[in-house]
N, C-alpha and C. Protein backbone atom coordinates (compact mmCIF):
# COMPACT_ATOMS: atom_id res chain seq x y z
N MET A 1 14.46 -7.37 2.58
CA MET A 1 13.17 -7.53 1.94
C MET A 1 13.09 -8.85 1.20
N ARG A 2 14.20 -9.50 1.10
CA ARG A 2 14.23 -10.74 0.35
C ARG A 2 13.35 -11.80 1.01
N VAL A 3 13.43 -11.89 2.33
CA VAL A 3 12.64 -12.90 3.04
C VAL A 3 11.14 -12.63 2.86
N GLU A 4 10.74 -11.37 3.00
CA GLU A 4 9.33 -11.03 2.83
C GLU A 4 8.86 -11.33 1.41
N GLY A 5 9.69 -11.05 0.43
CA GLY A 5 9.34 -11.34 -0.96
C GLY A 5 9.13 -12.82 -1.19
N TYR A 6 10.02 -13.64 -0.61
CA TYR A 6 9.86 -15.08 -0.76
C TYR A 6 8.61 -15.59 -0.05
N VAL A 7 8.29 -15.02 1.10
CA VAL A 7 7.08 -15.45 1.82
C VAL A 7 5.84 -15.18 0.98
N PHE A 8 5.72 -13.99 0.40
CA PHE A 8 4.54 -13.69 -0.41
C PHE A 8 4.53 -14.49 -1.70
N SER A 9 5.69 -14.78 -2.27
CA SER A 9 5.74 -15.62 -3.47
C SER A 9 5.29 -17.05 -3.16
N ILE A 10 5.68 -17.55 -1.98
CA ILE A 10 5.24 -18.88 -1.56
C ILE A 10 3.72 -18.90 -1.35
N VAL A 11 3.17 -17.81 -0.81
CA VAL A 11 1.71 -17.71 -0.67
C VAL A 11 1.05 -17.78 -2.05
N GLY A 12 1.64 -17.12 -3.03
CA GLY A 12 1.10 -17.16 -4.39
C GLY A 12 1.14 -18.56 -4.98
N VAL A 13 2.26 -19.28 -4.80
CA VAL A 13 2.39 -20.65 -5.31
C VAL A 13 1.38 -21.56 -4.60
N PHE A 14 1.25 -21.40 -3.30
CA PHE A 14 0.28 -22.20 -2.53
C PHE A 14 -1.14 -21.96 -3.04
N ALA A 15 -1.48 -20.69 -3.29
CA ALA A 15 -2.83 -20.38 -3.77
C ALA A 15 -3.08 -20.96 -5.15
N VAL A 16 -2.06 -21.01 -6.02
CA VAL A 16 -2.23 -21.62 -7.34
C VAL A 16 -2.50 -23.12 -7.20
N ILE A 17 -1.74 -23.78 -6.35
CA ILE A 17 -1.93 -25.23 -6.16
C ILE A 17 -3.32 -25.51 -5.60
N VAL A 18 -3.71 -24.75 -4.58
CA VAL A 18 -5.04 -24.94 -3.99
C VAL A 18 -6.13 -24.60 -5.01
N ASP A 19 -5.89 -23.60 -5.84
CA ASP A 19 -6.87 -23.20 -6.86
C ASP A 19 -7.10 -24.33 -7.86
N ILE A 20 -6.03 -24.97 -8.30
CA ILE A 20 -6.17 -26.08 -9.25
C ILE A 20 -6.93 -27.25 -8.62
N ILE A 21 -6.55 -27.60 -7.40
CA ILE A 21 -7.24 -28.69 -6.71
C ILE A 21 -8.70 -28.34 -6.48
N TYR A 22 -8.97 -27.11 -6.09
CA TYR A 22 -10.35 -26.67 -5.84
C TYR A 22 -11.19 -26.76 -7.11
N TRP A 23 -10.62 -26.36 -8.24
CA TRP A 23 -11.37 -26.40 -9.50
C TRP A 23 -11.65 -27.84 -9.91
N ILE A 24 -10.68 -28.73 -9.72
CA ILE A 24 -10.87 -30.13 -10.11
C ILE A 24 -12.01 -30.77 -9.33
N TYR A 25 -12.08 -30.49 -8.03
CA TYR A 25 -13.09 -31.15 -7.20
C TYR A 25 -14.43 -30.42 -7.12
N SER A 26 -14.47 -29.12 -7.37
CA SER A 26 -15.73 -28.41 -7.16
C SER A 26 -16.34 -27.82 -8.42
N HIS A 27 -15.53 -27.43 -9.39
CA HIS A 27 -15.99 -26.73 -10.60
C HIS A 27 -16.78 -25.47 -10.26
N ASP A 28 -16.42 -24.85 -9.15
CA ASP A 28 -17.07 -23.62 -8.70
C ASP A 28 -16.28 -22.43 -9.25
N PRO A 29 -16.87 -21.64 -10.15
CA PRO A 29 -16.11 -20.53 -10.74
C PRO A 29 -15.83 -19.39 -9.75
N THR A 30 -16.70 -19.20 -8.78
CA THR A 30 -16.51 -18.10 -7.84
C THR A 30 -15.32 -18.34 -6.92
N GLY A 31 -15.27 -19.49 -6.31
CA GLY A 31 -14.14 -19.81 -5.43
C GLY A 31 -12.84 -19.91 -6.19
N THR A 32 -12.91 -20.43 -7.41
CA THR A 32 -11.70 -20.54 -8.24
C THR A 32 -11.17 -19.16 -8.59
N ALA A 33 -12.08 -18.24 -8.92
CA ALA A 33 -11.65 -16.87 -9.24
C ALA A 33 -11.07 -16.19 -8.00
N ALA A 34 -11.67 -16.41 -6.85
CA ALA A 34 -11.15 -15.81 -5.62
C ALA A 34 -9.75 -16.34 -5.30
N LEU A 35 -9.54 -17.62 -5.46
CA LEU A 35 -8.21 -18.18 -5.21
C LEU A 35 -7.20 -17.71 -6.25
N ALA A 36 -7.64 -17.53 -7.49
CA ALA A 36 -6.74 -17.00 -8.52
C ALA A 36 -6.34 -15.57 -8.20
N LEU A 37 -7.28 -14.78 -7.72
CA LEU A 37 -6.95 -13.41 -7.32
C LEU A 37 -6.01 -13.41 -6.11
N THR A 38 -6.19 -14.34 -5.19
CA THR A 38 -5.29 -14.45 -4.05
C THR A 38 -3.87 -14.78 -4.52
N ALA A 39 -3.77 -15.69 -5.47
CA ALA A 39 -2.45 -16.03 -6.03
C ALA A 39 -1.83 -14.81 -6.71
N GLY A 40 -2.64 -14.11 -7.49
CA GLY A 40 -2.13 -12.91 -8.17
C GLY A 40 -1.64 -11.86 -7.20
N MET A 41 -2.36 -11.65 -6.12
CA MET A 41 -1.93 -10.66 -5.13
C MET A 41 -0.66 -11.12 -4.41
N GLY A 42 -0.55 -12.40 -4.13
CA GLY A 42 0.67 -12.91 -3.51
C GLY A 42 1.88 -12.70 -4.41
N PHE A 43 1.71 -13.00 -5.71
CA PHE A 43 2.81 -12.79 -6.64
C PHE A 43 3.11 -11.30 -6.84
N LEU A 44 2.08 -10.48 -6.84
CA LEU A 44 2.28 -9.04 -7.02
C LEU A 44 3.10 -8.45 -5.88
N VAL A 45 2.72 -8.74 -4.66
CA VAL A 45 3.45 -8.21 -3.50
C VAL A 45 4.84 -8.84 -3.42
N GLY A 46 4.93 -10.14 -3.68
CA GLY A 46 6.22 -10.80 -3.65
C GLY A 46 7.19 -10.22 -4.67
N PHE A 47 6.72 -10.00 -5.90
CA PHE A 47 7.58 -9.43 -6.93
C PHE A 47 8.01 -8.02 -6.55
N TYR A 48 7.08 -7.22 -6.01
CA TYR A 48 7.43 -5.85 -5.62
C TYR A 48 8.51 -5.86 -4.53
N LEU A 49 8.35 -6.71 -3.53
CA LEU A 49 9.33 -6.75 -2.45
C LEU A 49 10.69 -7.26 -2.93
N LEU A 50 10.70 -8.26 -3.80
CA LEU A 50 11.97 -8.76 -4.33
C LEU A 50 12.64 -7.71 -5.22
N PHE A 51 11.85 -7.04 -6.05
CA PHE A 51 12.38 -6.00 -6.94
C PHE A 51 12.93 -4.83 -6.13
N THR A 52 12.18 -4.39 -5.13
CA THR A 52 12.63 -3.28 -4.29
C THR A 52 13.83 -3.68 -3.46
N GLY A 53 13.87 -4.92 -2.99
CA GLY A 53 15.01 -5.41 -2.22
C GLY A 53 16.30 -5.40 -3.04
N LYS A 54 16.21 -5.73 -4.32
CA LYS A 54 17.39 -5.69 -5.18
C LYS A 54 17.84 -4.25 -5.42
N ARG A 55 16.88 -3.36 -5.49
CA ARG A 55 17.20 -1.96 -5.79
C ARG A 55 17.84 -1.25 -4.61
N ILE A 56 17.37 -1.50 -3.39
CA ILE A 56 17.90 -0.77 -2.23
C ILE A 56 18.99 -1.54 -1.50
N GLY A 57 19.18 -2.79 -1.83
CA GLY A 57 20.25 -3.56 -1.19
C GLY A 57 19.81 -4.21 0.10
N MET A 58 20.80 -4.76 0.79
CA MET A 58 20.53 -5.49 2.03
C MET A 58 20.26 -4.52 3.18
N ARG A 59 19.26 -4.86 3.97
CA ARG A 59 18.98 -4.11 5.19
C ARG A 59 19.66 -4.82 6.35
N PRO A 60 19.83 -4.13 7.47
CA PRO A 60 20.43 -4.82 8.62
C PRO A 60 19.65 -6.05 9.05
N SER A 61 18.33 -6.03 8.90
CA SER A 61 17.53 -7.19 9.32
C SER A 61 17.72 -8.38 8.38
N ASP A 62 18.28 -8.16 7.19
CA ASP A 62 18.54 -9.26 6.26
C ASP A 62 19.85 -9.97 6.55
N LEU A 63 20.71 -9.37 7.35
CA LEU A 63 22.02 -9.95 7.64
C LEU A 63 21.94 -10.87 8.85
N ALA A 64 22.60 -12.01 8.77
CA ALA A 64 22.55 -12.98 9.87
C ALA A 64 23.33 -12.50 11.09
N ASP A 65 24.39 -11.72 10.88
CA ASP A 65 25.23 -11.29 12.00
C ASP A 65 24.97 -9.83 12.39
N ALA A 66 23.80 -9.32 12.11
CA ALA A 66 23.49 -7.91 12.39
C ALA A 66 23.23 -7.69 13.88
N GLU A 67 23.58 -6.51 14.33
CA GLU A 67 23.30 -6.09 15.71
C GLU A 67 22.15 -5.08 15.67
N VAL A 68 21.54 -4.85 16.82
CA VAL A 68 20.44 -3.89 16.91
C VAL A 68 20.92 -2.50 16.51
N ALA A 69 22.13 -2.14 16.89
CA ALA A 69 22.67 -0.82 16.59
C ALA A 69 22.87 -0.59 15.09
N ASP A 70 22.95 -1.66 14.30
CA ASP A 70 23.12 -1.50 12.85
C ASP A 70 21.91 -0.84 12.20
N GLY A 71 20.76 -0.96 12.81
CA GLY A 71 19.55 -0.37 12.25
C GLY A 71 19.27 1.03 12.75
N ALA A 72 20.18 1.60 13.55
CA ALA A 72 19.96 2.94 14.10
C ALA A 72 20.14 3.99 13.02
N GLY A 73 19.58 5.16 13.27
CA GLY A 73 19.72 6.27 12.34
C GLY A 73 18.39 6.68 11.76
N GLU A 74 18.45 7.61 10.83
CA GLU A 74 17.24 8.14 10.22
C GLU A 74 16.65 7.12 9.25
N LEU A 75 15.35 6.92 9.35
CA LEU A 75 14.67 5.96 8.49
C LEU A 75 14.02 6.63 7.29
N GLY A 76 13.88 7.93 7.32
CA GLY A 76 13.25 8.64 6.21
C GLY A 76 12.30 9.69 6.74
N HIS A 77 11.64 10.37 5.81
CA HIS A 77 10.69 11.42 6.18
C HIS A 77 9.29 10.85 6.10
N PHE A 78 8.54 10.99 7.17
CA PHE A 78 7.18 10.51 7.21
C PHE A 78 6.23 11.68 7.41
N THR A 79 5.15 11.67 6.69
CA THR A 79 4.18 12.74 6.74
C THR A 79 3.48 12.75 8.09
N PRO A 80 3.25 13.93 8.65
CA PRO A 80 2.47 13.98 9.90
C PRO A 80 1.03 13.56 9.65
N GLY A 81 0.27 13.45 10.70
CA GLY A 81 -1.12 13.01 10.60
C GLY A 81 -1.92 13.85 9.62
N SER A 82 -2.86 13.20 8.94
CA SER A 82 -3.67 13.86 7.92
C SER A 82 -5.12 13.45 8.07
N TYR A 83 -6.02 14.38 7.75
CA TYR A 83 -7.45 14.08 7.78
C TYR A 83 -7.95 13.60 6.42
N TYR A 84 -7.13 13.70 5.39
CA TYR A 84 -7.59 13.35 4.05
C TYR A 84 -8.01 11.90 3.88
N PRO A 85 -7.35 10.91 4.51
CA PRO A 85 -7.84 9.53 4.35
C PRO A 85 -9.29 9.36 4.82
N PHE A 86 -9.69 10.07 5.88
CA PHE A 86 -11.07 10.01 6.31
C PHE A 86 -12.01 10.54 5.24
N PHE A 87 -11.65 11.68 4.63
CA PHE A 87 -12.50 12.26 3.59
C PHE A 87 -12.51 11.41 2.33
N ILE A 88 -11.41 10.74 2.04
CA ILE A 88 -11.38 9.83 0.89
C ILE A 88 -12.33 8.66 1.14
N ALA A 89 -12.31 8.11 2.34
CA ALA A 89 -13.20 7.00 2.67
C ALA A 89 -14.66 7.44 2.63
N ALA A 90 -14.94 8.63 3.16
CA ALA A 90 -16.32 9.12 3.16
C ALA A 90 -16.81 9.37 1.73
N SER A 91 -15.97 9.95 0.88
CA SER A 91 -16.40 10.22 -0.49
C SER A 91 -16.50 8.91 -1.29
N ALA A 92 -15.67 7.93 -1.00
CA ALA A 92 -15.81 6.62 -1.65
C ALA A 92 -17.11 5.96 -1.23
N THR A 93 -17.52 6.17 0.02
CA THR A 93 -18.80 5.65 0.48
C THR A 93 -19.95 6.31 -0.27
N VAL A 94 -19.84 7.60 -0.51
CA VAL A 94 -20.86 8.31 -1.29
C VAL A 94 -20.90 7.74 -2.71
N THR A 95 -19.74 7.46 -3.27
CA THR A 95 -19.68 6.91 -4.62
C THR A 95 -20.39 5.56 -4.70
N VAL A 96 -20.10 4.68 -3.77
CA VAL A 96 -20.72 3.36 -3.78
C VAL A 96 -22.21 3.45 -3.47
N SER A 97 -22.60 4.39 -2.62
CA SER A 97 -24.02 4.58 -2.32
C SER A 97 -24.79 5.02 -3.55
N GLY A 98 -24.10 5.61 -4.50
CA GLY A 98 -24.75 6.02 -5.74
C GLY A 98 -25.32 4.87 -6.53
N PHE A 99 -24.77 3.67 -6.39
CA PHE A 99 -25.33 2.52 -7.08
C PHE A 99 -26.71 2.16 -6.53
N ILE A 100 -26.98 2.57 -5.31
CA ILE A 100 -28.27 2.27 -4.69
C ILE A 100 -29.26 3.42 -4.89
N PHE A 101 -28.82 4.66 -4.65
CA PHE A 101 -29.73 5.79 -4.61
C PHE A 101 -29.81 6.59 -5.91
N GLY A 102 -28.88 6.42 -6.80
CA GLY A 102 -28.94 7.15 -8.07
C GLY A 102 -27.55 7.34 -8.64
N ILE A 103 -27.46 7.24 -9.95
CA ILE A 103 -26.15 7.30 -10.60
C ILE A 103 -25.52 8.69 -10.45
N TRP A 104 -26.33 9.72 -10.26
CA TRP A 104 -25.79 11.07 -10.08
C TRP A 104 -24.91 11.14 -8.84
N LEU A 105 -25.26 10.33 -7.83
CA LEU A 105 -24.47 10.30 -6.60
C LEU A 105 -23.10 9.65 -6.84
N CYS A 106 -23.04 8.70 -7.78
CA CYS A 106 -21.74 8.11 -8.15
C CYS A 106 -20.82 9.17 -8.73
N PHE A 107 -21.35 9.99 -9.61
CA PHE A 107 -20.52 11.03 -10.22
C PHE A 107 -20.06 12.05 -9.19
N LEU A 108 -20.96 12.46 -8.31
CA LEU A 108 -20.59 13.41 -7.26
C LEU A 108 -19.53 12.82 -6.32
N GLY A 109 -19.76 11.59 -5.88
CA GLY A 109 -18.79 10.92 -5.01
C GLY A 109 -17.47 10.67 -5.70
N GLY A 110 -17.50 10.35 -6.99
CA GLY A 110 -16.27 10.15 -7.75
C GLY A 110 -15.46 11.43 -7.84
N LEU A 111 -16.13 12.54 -8.09
CA LEU A 111 -15.43 13.83 -8.14
C LEU A 111 -14.83 14.17 -6.77
N MET A 112 -15.61 13.93 -5.72
CA MET A 112 -15.09 14.19 -4.37
C MET A 112 -13.89 13.31 -4.07
N THR A 113 -13.96 12.04 -4.45
CA THR A 113 -12.85 11.12 -4.19
C THR A 113 -11.60 11.56 -4.91
N VAL A 114 -11.73 11.92 -6.19
CA VAL A 114 -10.58 12.39 -6.96
C VAL A 114 -10.01 13.65 -6.33
N PHE A 115 -10.87 14.57 -5.92
CA PHE A 115 -10.42 15.82 -5.30
C PHE A 115 -9.62 15.54 -4.03
N PHE A 116 -10.14 14.68 -3.16
CA PHE A 116 -9.45 14.41 -1.89
C PHE A 116 -8.18 13.60 -2.08
N VAL A 117 -8.13 12.74 -3.09
CA VAL A 117 -6.89 12.01 -3.37
C VAL A 117 -5.81 12.99 -3.84
N ILE A 118 -6.21 13.94 -4.70
CA ILE A 118 -5.26 14.97 -5.13
C ILE A 118 -4.78 15.80 -3.94
N CYS A 119 -5.69 16.14 -3.05
CA CYS A 119 -5.31 16.89 -1.85
C CYS A 119 -4.32 16.10 -1.00
N LEU A 120 -4.54 14.79 -0.86
CA LEU A 120 -3.63 13.96 -0.07
C LEU A 120 -2.25 13.89 -0.71
N VAL A 121 -2.22 13.74 -2.03
CA VAL A 121 -0.94 13.60 -2.72
C VAL A 121 -0.11 14.88 -2.61
N PHE A 122 -0.77 16.02 -2.75
CA PHE A 122 -0.05 17.30 -2.75
C PHE A 122 -0.06 18.01 -1.40
N GLU A 123 -0.46 17.33 -0.35
CA GLU A 123 -0.57 17.94 0.97
C GLU A 123 0.74 18.55 1.44
N ASN A 124 1.85 17.87 1.22
CA ASN A 124 3.13 18.38 1.69
C ASN A 124 3.62 19.58 0.89
N PHE A 125 3.11 19.77 -0.31
CA PHE A 125 3.51 20.92 -1.12
C PHE A 125 2.70 22.16 -0.78
N TRP A 126 1.47 21.98 -0.30
CA TRP A 126 0.58 23.11 -0.05
C TRP A 126 0.74 23.69 1.35
N HIS A 127 1.07 22.85 2.31
CA HIS A 127 1.12 23.30 3.70
C HIS A 127 2.56 23.60 4.11
N PRO A 128 2.75 24.60 4.95
CA PRO A 128 4.12 24.90 5.40
C PRO A 128 4.65 23.78 6.28
N PRO A 129 5.97 23.66 6.39
CA PRO A 129 6.53 22.58 7.22
C PRO A 129 6.19 22.77 8.70
N VAL A 130 6.08 21.67 9.38
CA VAL A 130 5.81 21.70 10.82
C VAL A 130 7.11 22.04 11.55
N PRO A 131 7.04 22.51 12.79
CA PRO A 131 8.26 22.92 13.51
C PRO A 131 9.33 21.83 13.60
N GLU A 132 8.95 20.55 13.63
CA GLU A 132 9.95 19.50 13.73
C GLU A 132 10.81 19.41 12.48
N ASP A 133 10.29 19.91 11.34
CA ASP A 133 11.02 19.82 10.08
C ASP A 133 11.93 21.03 9.84
N LEU A 134 11.96 21.98 10.74
CA LEU A 134 12.78 23.17 10.57
C LEU A 134 14.09 23.02 11.33
N ASP A 135 15.16 23.57 10.77
CA ASP A 135 16.43 23.55 11.50
C ASP A 135 16.42 24.68 12.53
N GLN A 136 17.53 24.91 13.19
CA GLN A 136 17.57 25.88 14.28
C GLN A 136 17.42 27.32 13.78
N VAL A 137 17.73 27.57 12.54
CA VAL A 137 17.59 28.92 11.98
C VAL A 137 16.17 29.17 11.50
N GLY A 138 15.42 28.09 11.22
CA GLY A 138 14.04 28.24 10.75
C GLY A 138 13.87 27.87 9.30
N HIS A 139 14.90 27.31 8.68
CA HIS A 139 14.80 26.89 7.29
C HIS A 139 14.43 25.40 7.23
N PRO A 140 13.68 25.00 6.18
CA PRO A 140 13.34 23.58 6.08
C PRO A 140 14.59 22.72 5.93
N GLN A 141 14.58 21.58 6.63
CA GLN A 141 15.68 20.63 6.50
C GLN A 141 15.44 19.79 5.27
N HIS A 142 16.50 19.53 4.51
CA HIS A 142 16.39 18.66 3.34
C HIS A 142 16.94 17.29 3.70
N HIS A 143 16.07 16.27 3.58
CA HIS A 143 16.46 14.91 3.98
C HIS A 143 17.09 14.20 2.82
């Protein structure tokens, strides 16, 4: 993750340099703010990747002499497909539409969005495990 962290940090440094030059020549507050936000996001992602890379250590892809077989094995547990992201997007659309059609719609959409985000977060706790997650006896596997 070290390489990815450096790439995003370089994007942040580049955006800061371009932001300063842009402000000197244009004095446009909108473009300057957009470039500042771009720099902030580059630094945010870069810091996260560098911090996480230090915490989990070197991956096989970070090693110069790594083989393809070094990356074999279990990568972790991934949630099966979910319909909740669709409902979150739809309720967020209702929330934003409230600025046009009435503030009451913002509150309704906000409640729906919070509800569906909670459903997404706790989805694995509420639903029984899928057959792929059970061992041969029928008990959940612990990863």
